[in-house]
Amino acid sequence: MKEKVIFDTNIVHNTDANKFLGGRAELERFLQDADIVIPETVIQEIKRQKRRKLTSNKDKFLTNPFHKLVGVNEDDTKAFSIENYIQKLIDDEDIPFETIDLKDNNVLPQIKELALHKRAPFESGENTDKGFKDALIYFSVLEYLQEIPNKNVFVCAKDGRLKEALNNHQNIVVVETYEEFKQQSISQFFDDYFIEKVNAELVEVEIKKEHIIEYWHNIDDNQNVLIKVDDEENIVEVDSGEIISSSKPELYNSNIEQLVLSGNFETTHSSIEHLVPFVNYFSDDEILKILNASFTNEQIKWIIEDEDVKEFIGPLYKAKSELVENDVAEFLKENFE
């Protein structure tokens, strides 16, 4: 089950006229591991910002002399529906997201109480009432928590007072970036059932939740969970919450370095032979290192068409093509697409 991450306005706001959601590069990173959830209050705020910007641009366009010089029909410009265009941006949005909205009006007295006493998420200053929109987001999050099976969510937010209010709840984890989320989301593996399964798999050591360091998705889109006890590292591969295999990075780390630094064809072939059984345990950093070397190291590049090299590099690229760029991306695309 993927994590749920709820986004505040300051992460996804966007006045750009071509897309609805902003922060797109960050959102796409979150999509690797999470379902994106956006409160209706945030949706309405983005719409308001776009409406204001588009209306301003439309008015400027109508008064611009070039409007008539290039022969644009003024009536067509006036008839252009900004509301319809904004709705089209929402309908055409290619970043999938779920919308949540506050349904229980009984929270209004609680909102009033927070506002009157200047408690988070309302601002504490005497000369401001700012915080109502954040309060709607805050109570939308609390309501959503009661509706989902997991009873735990992440909220991606930067507003200090909203974060302060959310941090009062143990089952809400507040983050500002994907890196913070990635570090925190390992908590999904902290339940007793999973730890019991890990201990059955790794019988040499006793595993506790503090030994579970991080996780990532491998080339089969299963989860690799890194477990470290003292200086000993193990990786367990997990599919739908069940452990399907395990290994130790020490069994293949040196072979990755040997391949990347290969000085002849024989070493390239030999390194790949040793690495093939471990490809499902590679991290994104290790895969990127190998893919870059396939272009920069002539001892790999020249024999990229050899059967063993192609069968090793190809699946890594097809599963993680987004990791590479520029000349490396072009080279691998030519060979594997």
C-alpha atoms as a PDB file:
ATOM      1  CA  MET A   1       0.000   0.000   0.000  1.00  0.00           C
ATOM      2  CA  LYS A   2       1.370   3.394  -0.994  1.00  0.00           C
ATOM      3  CA  GLU A   3       1.737   6.237   1.474  1.00  0.00           C
ATOM      4  CA  LYS A   4      -0.778   9.098   1.334  1.00  0.00           C
ATOM      5  CA  VAL A   5       0.724  12.584   1.051  1.00  0.00           C
ATOM      6  CA  ILE A   6      -1.520  15.641   1.402  1.00  0.00           C
ATOM      7  CA  PHE A   7      -0.215  18.850  -0.169  1.00  0.00           C
ATOM      8  CA  ASP A   8      -0.616  22.414   1.047  1.00  0.00           C
ATOM      9  CA  THR A   9      -1.056  25.357  -1.335  1.00  0.00           C
ATOM     10  CA  ASN A  10       2.513  26.621  -1.062  1.00  0.00           C
ATOM     11  CA  ILE A  11       3.832  23.353  -2.554  1.00  0.00           C
ATOM     12  CA  VAL A  12       1.515  23.062  -5.578  1.00  0.00           C
ATOM     13  CA  HIS A  13       0.446  26.674  -6.288  1.00  0.00           C
ATOM     14  CA  ASN A  14       0.858  27.631  -9.930  1.00  0.00           C
ATOM     15  CA  THR A  15      -0.003  30.778 -11.916  1.00  0.00           C
ATOM     16  CA  ASP A  16       1.302  29.244 -15.142  1.00  0.00           C
ATOM     17  CA  ALA A  17      -1.299  29.206 -17.912  1.00  0.00           C
ATOM     18  CA  ASN A  18      -0.415  25.812 -19.385  1.00  0.00           C
ATOM     19  CA  LYS A  19      -0.740  23.403 -16.429  1.00  0.00           C
ATOM     20  CA  PHE A  20      -2.959  23.285 -13.367  1.00  0.00           C
ATOM     21  CA  LEU A  21      -0.614  22.011 -10.661  1.00  0.00           C
ATOM     22  CA  GLY A  22       2.725  23.567  -9.842  1.00  0.00           C
ATOM     23  CA  GLY A  23       5.772  21.973  -8.233  1.00  0.00           C
ATOM     24  CA  ARG A  24       5.544  19.298 -10.894  1.00  0.00           C
ATOM     25  CA  ALA A  25       9.073  17.916 -10.649  1.00  0.00           C
ATOM     26  CA  GLU A  26       8.635  17.391  -6.903  1.00  0.00           C
ATOM     27  CA  LEU A  27       5.179  15.861  -7.337  1.00  0.00           C
ATOM     28  CA  GLU A  28       6.507  13.377  -9.880  1.00  0.00           C
ATOM     29  CA  ARG A  29       9.133  12.271  -7.383  1.00  0.00           C
ATOM     30  CA  PHE A  30       6.454  11.734  -4.741  1.00  0.00           C
ATOM     31  CA  LEU A  31       4.438   9.649  -7.211  1.00  0.00           C
ATOM     32  CA  GLN A  32       7.138   6.971  -7.117  1.00  0.00           C
ATOM     33  CA  ASP A  33       6.135   6.069  -3.568  1.00  0.00           C
ATOM     34  CA  ALA A  34       2.914   7.852  -2.708  1.00  0.00           C
ATOM     35  CA  ASP A  35      -0.622   8.776  -3.668  1.00  0.00           C
ATOM     36  CA  ILE A  36      -1.062  12.537  -3.977  1.00  0.00           C
ATOM     37  CA  VAL A  37      -3.972  14.059  -2.054  1.00  0.00           C
ATOM     38  CA  ILE A  38      -5.010  17.718  -2.390  1.00  0.00           C
ATOM     39  CA  PRO A  39      -7.618  19.443  -0.200  1.00  0.00           C
ATOM     40  CA  GLU A  40     -10.450  21.208  -2.030  1.00  0.00           C
ATOM     41  CA  THR A  41      -9.373  24.433  -0.294  1.00  0.00           C
ATOM     42  CA  VAL A  42      -6.024  24.183  -2.084  1.00  0.00           C
ATOM     43  CA  ILE A  43      -7.729  23.452  -5.416  1.00  0.00           C
ATOM     44  CA  GLN A  44      -9.894  26.547  -5.027  1.00  0.00           C
ATOM     45  CA  GLU A  45      -6.873  28.676  -4.099  1.00  0.00           C
ATOM     46  CA  ILE A  46      -5.001  27.552  -7.233  1.00  0.00           C
ATOM     47  CA  LYS A  47      -8.086  28.345  -9.314  1.00  0.00           C
ATOM     48  CA  ARG A  48      -8.342  31.786  -7.709  1.00  0.00           C
ATOM     49  CA  GLN A  49      -4.681  32.536  -8.454  1.00  0.00           C
ATOM     50  CA  LYS A  50      -5.052  31.409 -12.057  1.00  0.00           C
ATOM     51  CA  ARG A  51      -8.288  33.327 -12.511  1.00  0.00           C
ATOM     52  CA  ARG A  52      -6.654  36.513 -11.269  1.00  0.00           C
ATOM     53  CA  LYS A  53      -3.578  36.088 -13.474  1.00  0.00           C
ATOM     54  CA  LEU A  54      -5.523  35.136 -16.610  1.00  0.00           C
ATOM     55  CA  THR A  55      -8.026  37.965 -16.143  1.00  0.00           C
ATOM     56  CA  SER A  56      -5.174  40.452 -15.805  1.00  0.00           C
ATOM     57  CA  ASN A  57      -3.490  39.091 -18.935  1.00  0.00           C
ATOM     58  CA  LYS A  58      -6.768  39.150 -20.848  1.00  0.00           C
ATOM     59  CA  ASP A  59      -7.373  42.804 -19.942  1.00  0.00           C
ATOM     60  CA  LYS A  60      -3.818  43.742 -20.917  1.00  0.00           C
ATOM     61  CA  PHE A  61      -4.170  41.882 -24.203  1.00  0.00           C
ATOM     62  CA  LEU A  62      -7.359  43.766 -25.077  1.00  0.00           C
ATOM     63  CA  THR A  63      -5.649  47.124 -24.528  1.00  0.00           C
ATOM     64  CA  ASN A  64      -2.434  46.134 -26.306  1.00  0.00           C
ATOM     65  CA  PRO A  65      -2.086  47.802 -29.757  1.00  0.00           C
ATOM     66  CA  PHE A  66      -0.718  44.551 -31.216  1.00  0.00           C
ATOM     67  CA  HIS A  67      -4.115  42.980 -30.535  1.00  0.00           C
ATOM     68  CA  LYS A  68      -5.498  44.931 -33.487  1.00  0.00           C
ATOM     69  CA  LEU A  69      -2.283  45.063 -35.514  1.00  0.00           C
ATOM     70  CA  VAL A  70      -2.143  41.278 -35.880  1.00  0.00           C
ATOM     71  CA  GLY A  71      -5.835  41.115 -36.715  1.00  0.00           C
ATOM     72  CA  VAL A  72      -7.101  39.265 -33.650  1.00  0.00           C
ATOM     73  CA  ASN A  73     -10.870  39.540 -33.329  1.00  0.00           C
ATOM     74  CA  GLU A  74     -11.591  41.528 -30.176  1.00  0.00           C
ATOM     75  CA  ASP A  75     -14.939  39.811 -29.690  1.00  0.00           C
ATOM     76  CA  ASP A  76     -13.213  36.411 -29.644  1.00  0.00           C
ATOM     77  CA  THR A  77     -10.887  37.593 -26.905  1.00  0.00           C
ATOM     78  CA  LYS A  78     -13.760  38.996 -24.875  1.00  0.00           C
ATOM     79  CA  ALA A  79     -15.705  35.756 -25.311  1.00  0.00           C
ATOM     80  CA  PHE A  80     -12.839  33.585 -24.095  1.00  0.00           C
ATOM     81  CA  SER A  81     -14.062  31.784 -20.957  1.00  0.00           C
ATOM     82  CA  ILE A  82     -11.409  31.762 -18.257  1.00  0.00           C
ATOM     83  CA  GLU A  83     -13.537  29.481 -16.060  1.00  0.00           C
ATOM     84  CA  ASN A  84     -13.868  26.893 -18.835  1.00  0.00           C
ATOM     85  CA  TYR A  85     -10.153  27.076 -19.539  1.00  0.00           C
ATOM     86  CA  ILE A  86      -9.230  26.523 -15.884  1.00  0.00           C
ATOM     87  CA  GLN A  87     -11.591  23.538 -15.744  1.00  0.00           C
ATOM     88  CA  LYS A  88      -9.926  22.136 -18.867  1.00  0.00           C
ATOM     89  CA  LEU A  89      -6.544  22.422 -17.150  1.00  0.00           C
ATOM     90  CA  ILE A  90      -7.934  20.371 -14.264  1.00  0.00           C
ATOM     91  CA  ASP A  91      -9.472  17.788 -16.600  1.00  0.00           C
ATOM     92  CA  ASP A  92      -6.245  17.483 -18.605  1.00  0.00           C
ATOM     93  CA  GLU A  93      -3.925  17.335 -15.567  1.00  0.00           C
ATOM     94  CA  ASP A  94      -1.633  14.328 -16.058  1.00  0.00           C
ATOM     95  CA  ILE A  95      -0.423  14.161 -12.458  1.00  0.00           C
ATOM     96  CA  PRO A  96      -2.981  11.924 -10.713  1.00  0.00           C
ATOM     97  CA  PHE A  97      -4.373  13.230  -7.455  1.00  0.00           C
ATOM     98  CA  GLU A  98      -7.244  12.636  -5.063  1.00  0.00           C
ATOM     99  CA  THR A  99      -9.273  15.567  -3.761  1.00  0.00           C
ATOM    100  CA  ILE A 100     -10.552  15.716  -0.191  1.00  0.00           C
ATOM    101  CA  ASP A 101     -12.985  18.212   1.258  1.00  0.00           C
ATOM    102  CA  LEU A 102     -14.241  18.994   4.734  1.00  0.00           C
ATOM    103  CA  LYS A 103     -17.698  17.465   5.055  1.00  0.00           C
ATOM    104  CA  ASP A 104     -18.444  17.826   8.767  1.00  0.00           C
ATOM    105  CA  ASN A 105     -19.774  21.311   9.515  1.00  0.00           C
ATOM    106  CA  ASN A 106     -19.726  20.491  13.223  1.00  0.00           C
ATOM    107  CA  VAL A 107     -16.058  21.520  13.307  1.00  0.00           C
ATOM    108  CA  LEU A 108     -16.996  25.189  12.837  1.00  0.00           C
ATOM    109  CA  PRO A 109     -17.156  25.830  16.610  1.00  0.00           C
ATOM    110  CA  GLN A 110     -13.666  24.343  16.910  1.00  0.00           C
ATOM    111  CA  ILE A 111     -12.406  26.617  14.123  1.00  0.00           C
ATOM    112  CA  LYS A 112     -13.999  29.577  15.908  1.00  0.00           C
ATOM    113  CA  GLU A 113     -12.316  28.586  19.166  1.00  0.00           C
ATOM    114  CA  LEU A 114      -8.891  28.346  17.510  1.00  0.00           C
ATOM    115  CA  ALA A 115      -9.371  31.707  15.783  1.00  0.00           C
ATOM    116  CA  LEU A 116     -10.496  33.543  18.929  1.00  0.00           C
ATOM    117  CA  HIS A 117      -7.552  32.248  20.964  1.00  0.00           C
ATOM    118  CA  LYS A 118      -4.998  32.758  18.141  1.00  0.00           C
ATOM    119  CA  ARG A 119      -4.038  29.083  18.190  1.00  0.00           C
ATOM    120  CA  ALA A 120      -2.382  27.296  15.290  1.00  0.00           C
ATOM    121  CA  PRO A 121      -3.047  27.181  12.418  1.00  0.00           C
ATOM    122  CA  PHE A 122      -4.253  30.785  12.960  1.00  0.00           C
ATOM    123  CA  GLU A 123      -1.584  33.465  13.216  1.00  0.00           C
ATOM    124  CA  SER A 124      -0.713  34.561  16.746  1.00  0.00           C
ATOM    125  CA  GLY A 125      -0.417  38.305  16.005  1.00  0.00           C
ATOM    126  CA  GLU A 126      -3.049  40.683  17.380  1.00  0.00           C
ATOM    127  CA  ASN A 127      -3.539  42.561  14.119  1.00  0.00           C
ATOM    128  CA  THR A 128      -4.323  39.623  11.853  1.00  0.00           C
ATOM    129  CA  ASP A 129      -7.038  36.992  11.390  1.00  0.00           C
ATOM    130  CA  LYS A 130      -4.982  35.009   8.887  1.00  0.00           C
ATOM    131  CA  GLY A 131      -5.373  31.275   9.091  1.00  0.00           C
ATOM    132  CA  PHE A 132      -8.921  30.392   8.054  1.00  0.00           C
ATOM    133  CA  LYS A 133      -7.876  28.587   4.857  1.00  0.00           C
ATOM    134  CA  ASP A 134      -5.193  26.707   6.776  1.00  0.00           C
ATOM    135  CA  ALA A 135      -7.830  25.758   9.351  1.00  0.00           C
ATOM    136  CA  LEU A 136      -9.999  24.258   6.606  1.00  0.00           C
ATOM    137  CA  ILE A 137      -6.992  22.277   5.372  1.00  0.00           C
ATOM    138  CA  TYR A 138      -6.148  21.206   8.920  1.00  0.00           C
ATOM    139  CA  PHE A 139      -9.631  19.853   9.660  1.00  0.00           C
ATOM    140  CA  SER A 140      -9.820  18.251   6.193  1.00  0.00           C
ATOM    141  CA  VAL A 141      -6.669  16.291   7.094  1.00  0.00           C
ATOM    142  CA  LEU A 142      -8.108  15.218  10.459  1.00  0.00           C
ATOM    143  CA  GLU A 143     -11.354  14.101   8.817  1.00  0.00           C
ATOM    144  CA  TYR A 144      -9.478  12.193   6.100  1.00  0.00           C
ATOM    145  CA  LEU A 145      -7.473  10.343   8.755  1.00  0.00           C
ATOM    146  CA  GLN A 146     -10.677   8.835  10.069  1.00  0.00           C
ATOM    147  CA  GLU A 147     -11.668   7.603   6.608  1.00  0.00           C
ATOM    148  CA  ILE A 148      -8.515   5.736   5.535  1.00  0.00           C
ATOM    149  CA  PRO A 149      -7.531   2.250   6.772  1.00  0.00           C
ATOM    150  CA  ASN A 150      -3.937   3.117   7.591  1.00  0.00           C
ATOM    151  CA  LYS A 151      -4.794   6.038   9.935  1.00  0.00           C
ATOM    152  CA  ASN A 152      -1.440   7.641   9.080  1.00  0.00           C
ATOM    153  CA  VAL A 153      -0.698  10.371   6.540  1.00  0.00           C
ATOM    154  CA  PHE A 154       2.058  12.683   5.446  1.00  0.00           C
ATOM    155  CA  VAL A 155       1.394  16.375   4.883  1.00  0.00           C
ATOM    156  CA  CYS A 156       3.750  18.343   2.668  1.00  0.00           C
ATOM    157  CA  ALA A 157       3.611  21.932   3.928  1.00  0.00           C
ATOM    158  CA  LYS A 158       5.847  24.920   4.595  1.00  0.00           C
ATOM    159  CA  ASP A 159       3.510  27.246   6.508  1.00  0.00           C
ATOM    160  CA  GLY A 160       4.808  27.461  10.075  1.00  0.00           C
ATOM    161  CA  ARG A 161       1.470  27.709  11.900  1.00  0.00           C
ATOM    162  CA  LEU A 162      -0.152  24.929   9.869  1.00  0.00           C
ATOM    163  CA  LYS A 163       2.850  22.703  10.567  1.00  0.00           C
ATOM    164  CA  GLU A 164       2.590  23.551  14.265  1.00  0.00           C
ATOM    165  CA  ALA A 165      -1.059  22.442  14.368  1.00  0.00           C
ATOM    166  CA  LEU A 166      -0.412  19.236  12.419  1.00  0.00           C
ATOM    167  CA  ASN A 167       2.603  18.287  14.513  1.00  0.00           C
ATOM    168  CA  ASN A 168       0.319  17.891  17.520  1.00  0.00           C
ATOM    169  CA  HIS A 169      -0.919  14.613  16.021  1.00  0.00           C
ATOM    170  CA  GLN A 170       1.300  11.524  16.178  1.00  0.00           C
ATOM    171  CA  ASN A 171      -0.233   9.909  13.085  1.00  0.00           C
ATOM    172  CA  ILE A 172       0.519  12.964  10.918  1.00  0.00           C
ATOM    173  CA  VAL A 173       4.070  13.372   9.631  1.00  0.00           C
ATOM    174  CA  VAL A 174       4.845  16.839   8.266  1.00  0.00           C
ATOM    175  CA  VAL A 175       7.532  17.160   5.578  1.00  0.00           C
ATOM    176  CA  GLU A 176       8.657  19.925   3.237  1.00  0.00           C
ATOM    177  CA  THR A 177      10.467  17.932   0.546  1.00  0.00           C
ATOM    178  CA  TYR A 178      10.543  14.516  -1.091  1.00  0.00           C
ATOM    179  CA  GLU A 179      13.862  13.800   0.628  1.00  0.00           C
ATOM    180  CA  GLU A 180      12.247  14.313   4.037  1.00  0.00           C
ATOM    181  CA  PHE A 181       9.327  12.124   3.034  1.00  0.00           C
ATOM    182  CA  LYS A 182      11.623   9.383   1.759  1.00  0.00           C
ATOM    183  CA  GLN A 183      13.467   9.369   5.049  1.00  0.00           C
ATOM    184  CA  GLN A 184      10.295   9.294   7.133  1.00  0.00           C
ATOM    185  CA  SER A 185       8.192   6.885   5.089  1.00  0.00           C
ATOM    186  CA  ILE A 186      10.227   3.894   6.171  1.00  0.00           C
ATOM    187  CA  SER A 187       7.816   3.768   9.106  1.00  0.00           C
ATOM    188  CA  GLN A 188       5.501   1.607   7.007  1.00  0.00           C
ATOM    189  CA  PHE A 189       7.883  -1.273   7.772  1.00  0.00           C
ATOM    190  CA  PHE A 190       7.840  -0.794  11.532  1.00  0.00           C
ATOM    191  CA  ASP A 191       4.845  -2.989  12.318  1.00  0.00           C
ATOM    192  CA  ASP A 192       5.356  -6.147  14.387  1.00  0.00           C
ATOM    193  CA  TYR A 193       4.262  -8.486  11.591  1.00  0.00           C
ATOM    194  CA  PHE A 194       6.918  -7.261   9.186  1.00  0.00           C
ATOM    195  CA  ILE A 195       9.681  -7.289  11.802  1.00  0.00           C
ATOM    196  CA  GLU A 196       8.732 -10.865  12.713  1.00  0.00           C
ATOM    197  CA  LYS A 197       9.045 -11.837   9.043  1.00  0.00           C
ATOM    198  CA  VAL A 198      12.434 -10.121   8.784  1.00  0.00           C
ATOM    199  CA  ASN A 199      13.734 -11.994  11.816  1.00  0.00           C
ATOM    200  CA  ALA A 200      12.569 -15.266  10.284  1.00  0.00           C
ATOM    201  CA  GLU A 201      14.426 -14.369   7.061  1.00  0.00           C
ATOM    202  CA  LEU A 202      17.626 -13.053   8.690  1.00  0.00           C
ATOM    203  CA  VAL A 203      18.166 -15.599  11.449  1.00  0.00           C
ATOM    204  CA  GLU A 204      21.741 -14.507  12.253  1.00  0.00           C
ATOM    205  CA  VAL A 205      20.707 -11.212  13.895  1.00  0.00           C
ATOM    206  CA  GLU A 206      17.776  -9.851  15.892  1.00  0.00           C
ATOM    207  CA  ILE A 207      16.061  -7.052  14.010  1.00  0.00           C
ATOM    208  CA  LYS A 208      14.256  -4.139  15.668  1.00  0.00           C
ATOM    209  CA  LYS A 209      12.538  -1.207  13.985  1.00  0.00           C
ATOM    210  CA  GLU A 210      15.530   1.102  14.571  1.00  0.00           C
ATOM    211  CA  HIS A 211      17.584  -1.227  12.346  1.00  0.00           C
ATOM    212  CA  ILE A 212      15.315  -0.521   9.361  1.00  0.00           C
ATOM    213  CA  ILE A 213      17.099   2.347   7.611  1.00  0.00           C
ATOM    214  CA  GLU A 214      15.472   3.081   4.244  1.00  0.00           C
ATOM    215  CA  TYR A 215      13.681   1.561   1.281  1.00  0.00           C
ATOM    216  CA  TRP A 216      13.462   2.028  -2.496  1.00  0.00           C
ATOM    217  CA  HIS A 217      11.746   0.465  -5.496  1.00  0.00           C
ATOM    218  CA  ASN A 218      13.802  -1.992  -7.510  1.00  0.00           C
ATOM    219  CA  ILE A 219      13.631  -2.743 -11.237  1.00  0.00           C
ATOM    220  CA  ASP A 220      10.651  -5.061 -10.684  1.00  0.00           C
ATOM    221  CA  ASP A 221       8.890  -2.283  -8.746  1.00  0.00           C
ATOM    222  CA  ASN A 222       9.149  -4.276  -5.524  1.00  0.00           C
ATOM    223  CA  GLN A 223      10.389  -2.592  -2.352  1.00  0.00           C
ATOM    224  CA  ASN A 224      13.949  -3.109  -1.180  1.00  0.00           C
ATOM    225  CA  VAL A 225      14.305  -2.503   2.557  1.00  0.00           C
ATOM    226  CA  LEU A 226      17.793  -1.783   3.898  1.00  0.00           C
ATOM    227  CA  ILE A 227      18.432  -3.205   7.369  1.00  0.00           C
ATOM    228  CA  LYS A 228      21.590  -2.320   9.277  1.00  0.00           C
ATOM    229  CA  VAL A 229      22.716  -3.884  12.541  1.00  0.00           C
ATOM    230  CA  ASP A 230      26.024  -2.433  13.720  1.00  0.00           C
ATOM    231  CA  ASP A 231      28.106  -2.445  10.513  1.00  0.00           C
ATOM    232  CA  GLU A 232      26.308  -5.334   8.839  1.00  0.00           C
ATOM    233  CA  GLU A 233      23.828  -4.508   6.089  1.00  0.00           C
ATOM    234  CA  ASN A 234      21.081  -6.684   4.643  1.00  0.00           C
ATOM    235  CA  ILE A 235      18.492  -5.969   1.972  1.00  0.00           C
ATOM    236  CA  VAL A 236      15.121  -7.697   1.903  1.00  0.00           C
ATOM    237  CA  GLU A 237      12.941  -7.555  -1.207  1.00  0.00           C
ATOM    238  CA  VAL A 238       9.264  -7.040  -0.404  1.00  0.00           C
ATOM    239  CA  ASP A 239       6.225  -7.570  -2.613  1.00  0.00           C
ATOM    240  CA  SER A 240       2.758  -6.681  -1.257  1.00  0.00           C
ATOM    241  CA  GLY A 241       4.099  -6.685   2.297  1.00  0.00           C
ATOM    242  CA  GLU A 242       5.720 -10.125   2.038  1.00  0.00           C
ATOM    243  CA  ILE A 243       9.454 -10.826   1.928  1.00  0.00           C
ATOM    244  CA  ILE A 244      10.395 -12.690  -1.243  1.00  0.00           C
ATOM    245  CA  SER A 245      14.205 -12.633  -1.047  1.00  0.00           C
ATOM    246  CA  SER A 246      17.202 -11.139   0.749  1.00  0.00           C
ATOM    247  CA  SER A 247      20.880 -10.439   0.202  1.00  0.00           C
ATOM    248  CA  LYS A 248      23.887  -8.540   1.528  1.00  0.00           C
ATOM    249  CA  PRO A 249      25.340  -5.527  -0.350  1.00  0.00           C
ATOM    250  CA  GLU A 250      28.846  -6.764   0.498  1.00  0.00           C
ATOM    251  CA  LEU A 251      28.276  -9.651  -1.931  1.00  0.00           C
ATOM    252  CA  TYR A 252      28.131  -7.361  -4.974  1.00  0.00           C
ATOM    253  CA  ASN A 253      29.355  -3.837  -4.085  1.00  0.00           C
ATOM    254  CA  SER A 254      32.935  -4.552  -5.140  1.00  0.00           C
ATOM    255  CA  ASN A 255      31.736  -6.018  -8.448  1.00  0.00           C
ATOM    256  CA  ILE A 256      29.829  -2.811  -9.257  1.00  0.00           C
ATOM    257  CA  GLU A 257      33.018  -0.806  -8.712  1.00  0.00           C
ATOM    258  CA  GLN A 258      34.946  -3.358 -10.758  1.00  0.00           C
ATOM    259  CA  LEU A 259      32.497  -3.005 -13.634  1.00  0.00           C
ATOM    260  CA  VAL A 260      32.378   0.795 -13.547  1.00  0.00           C
ATOM    261  CA  LEU A 261      36.189   0.981 -13.582  1.00  0.00           C
ATOM    262  CA  SER A 262      36.661  -1.944 -15.982  1.00  0.00           C
ATOM    263  CA  GLY A 263      39.847  -1.638 -18.018  1.00  0.00           C
ATOM    264  CA  ASN A 264      39.241  -4.498 -20.482  1.00  0.00           C
ATOM    265  CA  PHE A 265      36.468  -6.568 -22.017  1.00  0.00           C
ATOM    266  CA  GLU A 266      37.267  -9.629 -19.919  1.00  0.00           C
ATOM    267  CA  THR A 267      36.744  -7.696 -16.685  1.00  0.00           C
ATOM    268  CA  THR A 268      33.476  -6.275 -18.035  1.00  0.00           C
ATOM    269  CA  HIS A 269      32.097  -9.718 -18.841  1.00  0.00           C
ATOM    270  CA  SER A 270      33.333 -11.194 -15.567  1.00  0.00           C
ATOM    271  CA  SER A 271      31.853  -8.359 -13.470  1.00  0.00           C
ATOM    272  CA  ILE A 272      28.486  -8.671 -15.169  1.00  0.00           C
ATOM    273  CA  GLU A 273      28.445 -12.424 -14.602  1.00  0.00           C
ATOM    274  CA  HIS A 274      28.877 -11.846 -10.866  1.00  0.00           C
ATOM    275  CA  LEU A 275      26.298  -9.030 -10.747  1.00  0.00           C
ATOM    276  CA  VAL A 276      23.415 -10.666 -12.625  1.00  0.00           C
ATOM    277  CA  PRO A 277      22.033 -12.566  -9.582  1.00  0.00           C
ATOM    278  CA  PHE A 278      21.871  -9.327  -7.560  1.00  0.00           C
ATOM    279  CA  VAL A 279      20.237  -6.833  -9.954  1.00  0.00           C
ATOM    280  CA  ASN A 280      17.012  -6.737  -7.934  1.00  0.00           C
ATOM    281  CA  TYR A 281      18.892  -5.348  -4.929  1.00  0.00           C
ATOM    282  CA  PHE A 282      20.541  -2.391  -6.689  1.00  0.00           C
ATOM    283  CA  SER A 283      19.675   1.101  -5.438  1.00  0.00           C
ATOM    284  CA  ASP A 284      18.964   3.980  -7.823  1.00  0.00           C
ATOM    285  CA  ASP A 285      22.441   5.384  -7.139  1.00  0.00           C
ATOM    286  CA  GLU A 286      24.055   2.074  -8.055  1.00  0.00           C
ATOM    287  CA  ILE A 287      21.943   1.742 -11.196  1.00  0.00           C
ATOM    288  CA  LEU A 288      22.790   5.305 -12.249  1.00  0.00           C
ATOM    289  CA  LYS A 289      26.477   4.593 -11.735  1.00  0.00           C
ATOM    290  CA  ILE A 290      26.248   1.529 -13.993  1.00  0.00           C
ATOM    291  CA  LEU A 291      24.195   3.295 -16.675  1.00  0.00           C
ATOM    292  CA  ASN A 292      26.578   6.252 -16.783  1.00  0.00           C
ATOM    293  CA  ALA A 293      29.548   3.892 -17.030  1.00  0.00           C
ATOM    294  CA  SER A 294      27.931   2.109 -19.977  1.00  0.00           C
ATOM    295  CA  PHE A 295      28.504   5.321 -21.936  1.00  0.00           C
ATOM    296  CA  THR A 296      31.622   6.811 -20.350  1.00  0.00           C
ATOM    297  CA  ASN A 297      33.638   3.596 -20.040  1.00  0.00           C
ATOM    298  CA  GLU A 298      34.701   2.434 -23.509  1.00  0.00           C
ATOM    299  CA  GLN A 299      35.241  -1.111 -22.220  1.00  0.00           C
ATOM    300  CA  ILE A 300      31.486  -1.348 -21.687  1.00  0.00           C
ATOM    301  CA  LYS A 301      30.319   0.955 -24.466  1.00  0.00           C
ATOM    302  CA  TRP A 302      32.149  -0.901 -27.241  1.00  0.00           C
ATOM    303  CA  ILE A 303      30.547  -4.226 -26.356  1.00  0.00           C
ATOM    304  CA  ILE A 304      27.070  -2.945 -25.442  1.00  0.00           C
ATOM    305  CA  GLU A 305      25.649  -5.228 -28.148  1.00  0.00           C
ATOM    306  CA  ASP A 306      27.201  -8.371 -26.631  1.00  0.00           C
ATOM    307  CA  GLU A 307      24.410 -10.612 -25.394  1.00  0.00           C
ATOM    308  CA  ASP A 308      25.363 -10.678 -21.708  1.00  0.00           C
ATOM    309  CA  VAL A 309      26.037  -6.919 -21.590  1.00  0.00           C
ATOM    310  CA  LYS A 310      22.793  -6.084 -23.356  1.00  0.00           C
ATOM    311  CA  GLU A 311      20.729  -8.410 -21.157  1.00  0.00           C
ATOM    312  CA  PHE A 312      22.284  -6.833 -18.059  1.00  0.00           C
ATOM    313  CA  ILE A 313      22.181  -3.135 -18.991  1.00  0.00           C
ATOM    314  CA  GLY A 314      18.863  -3.223 -20.896  1.00  0.00           C
ATOM    315  CA  PRO A 315      16.518  -4.056 -17.987  1.00  0.00           C
ATOM    316  CA  LEU A 316      18.270  -1.520 -15.749  1.00  0.00           C
ATOM    317  CA  TYR A 317      17.721   1.223 -18.318  1.00  0.00           C
ATOM    318  CA  LYS A 318      14.122   0.264 -19.150  1.00  0.00           C
ATOM    319  CA  ALA A 319      13.163   0.233 -15.467  1.00  0.00           C
ATOM    320  CA  LYS A 320      15.059   3.398 -14.496  1.00  0.00           C
ATOM    321  CA  SER A 321      15.415   5.450 -17.685  1.00  0.00           C
ATOM    322  CA  GLU A 322      14.422   8.617 -15.805  1.00  0.00           C
ATOM    323  CA  LEU A 323      17.724   8.509 -13.924  1.00  0.00           C
ATOM    324  CA  VAL A 324      19.897   9.300 -16.941  1.00  0.00           C
ATOM    325  CA  GLU A 325      20.112  12.450 -19.048  1.00  0.00           C
ATOM    326  CA  ASN A 326      21.875  14.173 -21.946  1.00  0.00           C
ATOM    327  CA  ASP A 327      24.359  12.025 -23.942  1.00  0.00           C
ATOM    328  CA  VAL A 328      23.953   8.994 -21.696  1.00  0.00           C
ATOM    329  CA  ALA A 329      20.189   9.046 -22.168  1.00  0.00           C
ATOM    330  CA  GLU A 330      20.524   9.370 -25.952  1.00  0.00           C
ATOM    331  CA  PHE A 331      23.032   6.530 -26.154  1.00  0.00           C
ATOM    332  CA  LEU A 332      20.937   4.140 -24.108  1.00  0.00           C
ATOM    333  CA  LYS A 333      17.752   5.116 -25.925  1.00  0.00           C
ATOM    334  CA  GLU A 334      19.372   4.270 -29.264  1.00  0.00           C
ATOM    335  CA  ASN A 335      20.404   0.857 -27.999  1.00  0.00           C
ATOM    336  CA  PHE A 336      17.420  -0.206 -25.934  1.00  0.00           C
ATOM    337  CA  GLU A 337      14.304   1.445 -27.408  1.00  0.00           C
END
